Structure formats: structure tokens, C-alpha cells
């Protein structure tokens, strides 16, 4: 992996970690809004997935298309996309 791609993956994972920290902090508040904590959990998962896809995919465009397909058709569609693109780690 080249330095630029490594930096991109690292940036996505740092953003995911920050969202997870925020979710934990809000969730631990006595009267914290759980919808906000849940939102940050979802954001953390999405950003971690983007980081993973950036490391595995040849272009970020594939990652965007895969995330869009998952949003429209459900996460099961990702398996077919990954296999079709030769990502046989599924």
C-alpha cells in the first residue's frame, strides 16, 4: 500500500474512532440523548467500513458505489459486489 492510500485509510479510521468515542461519552451521560449516541455508532461503522474499503478497493469510487448499493438494496448486496471485484475475503 502506498503512502497516500495508507494516509487515507488512517484518516477514515481516526474519524471512526472519534465517532465511537463521542458515542460512548454521550451514552454514558446520565440523561444523555441515546439517539445521538446511536447516530455516532452508525457513523463510526460507516467510516470504519470506508477505511477498510479504501484499503481493499482499487479506487474509492468502488467504495462509494458499494455503500450506495448497500443503502439502497441492503448490506447483503455487498457480498456480490466484493466477489465480482475479486475481493474474495468474504
Protein backbone atom coordinates (compact mmCIF):
# COMPACT_ATOMS: atom_id res chain seq x y z
CA UNK A 1 0.00 0.00 0.00
CA UNK A 2 1.41 3.37 -0.95
CA UNK A 3 1.71 6.26 1.49
CA UNK A 4 -1.26 8.18 0.09
CA UNK A 5 -3.59 5.21 0.45
CA UNK A 6 -2.23 4.47 3.93
CA UNK A 7 -2.92 8.09 4.93
CA UNK A 8 -6.47 7.86 3.55
CA UNK A 9 -7.18 4.63 5.45
CA UNK A 10 -5.69 6.09 8.62
CA UNK A 11 -7.81 9.24 8.30
CA UNK A 12 -11.04 7.22 7.95
CA UNK A 13 -10.17 5.05 10.94
CA UNK A 14 -9.34 8.08 13.09
CA UNK A 15 -12.71 9.62 12.16
CA UNK A 16 -14.41 6.33 13.07
CA UNK A 17 -12.62 6.21 16.41
CA UNK A 18 -13.64 9.79 17.17
CA UNK A 19 -17.29 8.98 16.42
CA UNK A 20 -17.10 5.92 18.65
CA UNK A 21 -15.58 7.98 21.48
CA UNK A 22 -18.36 10.53 21.09
CA UNK A 23 -21.00 7.78 21.16
CA UNK A 24 -19.54 6.36 24.36
CA UNK A 25 -19.31 9.77 26.02
CA UNK A 26 -22.90 10.69 25.14
CA UNK A 27 -24.17 7.21 26.02
CA UNK A 28 -22.56 7.40 29.46
CA UNK A 29 -24.27 10.66 30.37
CA UNK A 30 -26.96 10.23 33.00
CA UNK A 31 -29.55 11.92 30.80
CA UNK A 32 -27.67 11.64 27.52
CA UNK A 33 -29.69 11.53 24.30
CA UNK A 34 -29.41 7.92 23.15
CA UNK A 35 -30.43 8.80 19.61
CA UNK A 36 -27.29 10.92 19.35
CA UNK A 37 -25.13 8.09 20.71
CA UNK A 38 -26.71 5.66 18.23
CA UNK A 39 -26.14 8.10 15.38
CA UNK A 40 -22.44 8.30 16.23
CA UNK A 41 -22.25 4.48 16.39
CA UNK A 42 -23.67 4.32 12.87
CA UNK A 43 -21.22 6.98 11.71
CA UNK A 44 -18.31 5.09 13.28
CA UNK A 45 -19.32 1.88 11.49
CA UNK A 46 -19.68 3.66 8.15
CA UNK A 47 -16.32 5.41 8.44
CA UNK A 48 -14.56 2.20 9.52
CA UNK A 49 -16.08 0.44 6.51
CA UNK A 50 -14.90 3.26 4.24
CA UNK A 51 -11.41 2.87 5.67
CA UNK A 52 -11.47 -0.86 5.06
CA UNK A 53 -12.80 -0.47 1.54
CA UNK A 54 -10.18 2.19 0.80
CA UNK A 55 -7.53 -0.33 1.78
CA UNK A 56 -9.07 -3.18 -0.22
CA UNK A 57 -10.55 -1.46 -3.27
CA UNK A 58 -8.51 -0.15 -6.15
CA UNK A 59 -10.42 3.14 -6.24
CA UNK A 60 -12.56 4.97 -3.71
CA UNK A 61 -15.30 5.15 -6.36
CA UNK A 62 -15.91 1.43 -5.85
CA UNK A 63 -16.32 2.03 -2.13
CA UNK A 64 -18.85 4.81 -2.75
CA UNK A 65 -20.80 2.61 -5.17
CA UNK A 66 -20.73 -0.30 -2.73
CA UNK A 67 -22.00 1.85 0.15
CA UNK A 68 -24.72 3.31 -2.06
CA UNK A 69 -25.78 -0.18 -3.19
CA UNK A 70 -25.90 -1.35 0.43
CA UNK A 71 -28.04 1.65 1.38
CA UNK A 72 -30.47 1.01 -1.48
CA UNK A 73 -30.54 -2.80 -1.57
CA UNK A 74 -29.38 -3.84 1.90
CA UNK A 75 -25.98 -4.99 3.12
CA UNK A 76 -26.28 -8.44 1.52
CA UNK A 77 -25.60 -6.87 -1.87
CA UNK A 78 -22.02 -6.17 -0.76
CA UNK A 79 -21.06 -9.85 -0.94
CA UNK A 80 -21.88 -9.99 -4.64
CA UNK A 81 -20.04 -6.74 -5.30
CA UNK A 82 -16.94 -7.89 -3.46
CA UNK A 83 -16.85 -11.25 -5.23
CA UNK A 84 -17.44 -9.57 -8.61
CA UNK A 85 -14.43 -7.32 -7.99
CA UNK A 86 -12.18 -10.18 -6.92
CA UNK A 87 -12.26 -9.39 -3.20
CA UNK A 88 -12.59 -12.99 -2.11
CA UNK A 89 -12.07 -12.35 1.61
CA UNK A 90 -15.86 -12.55 2.04
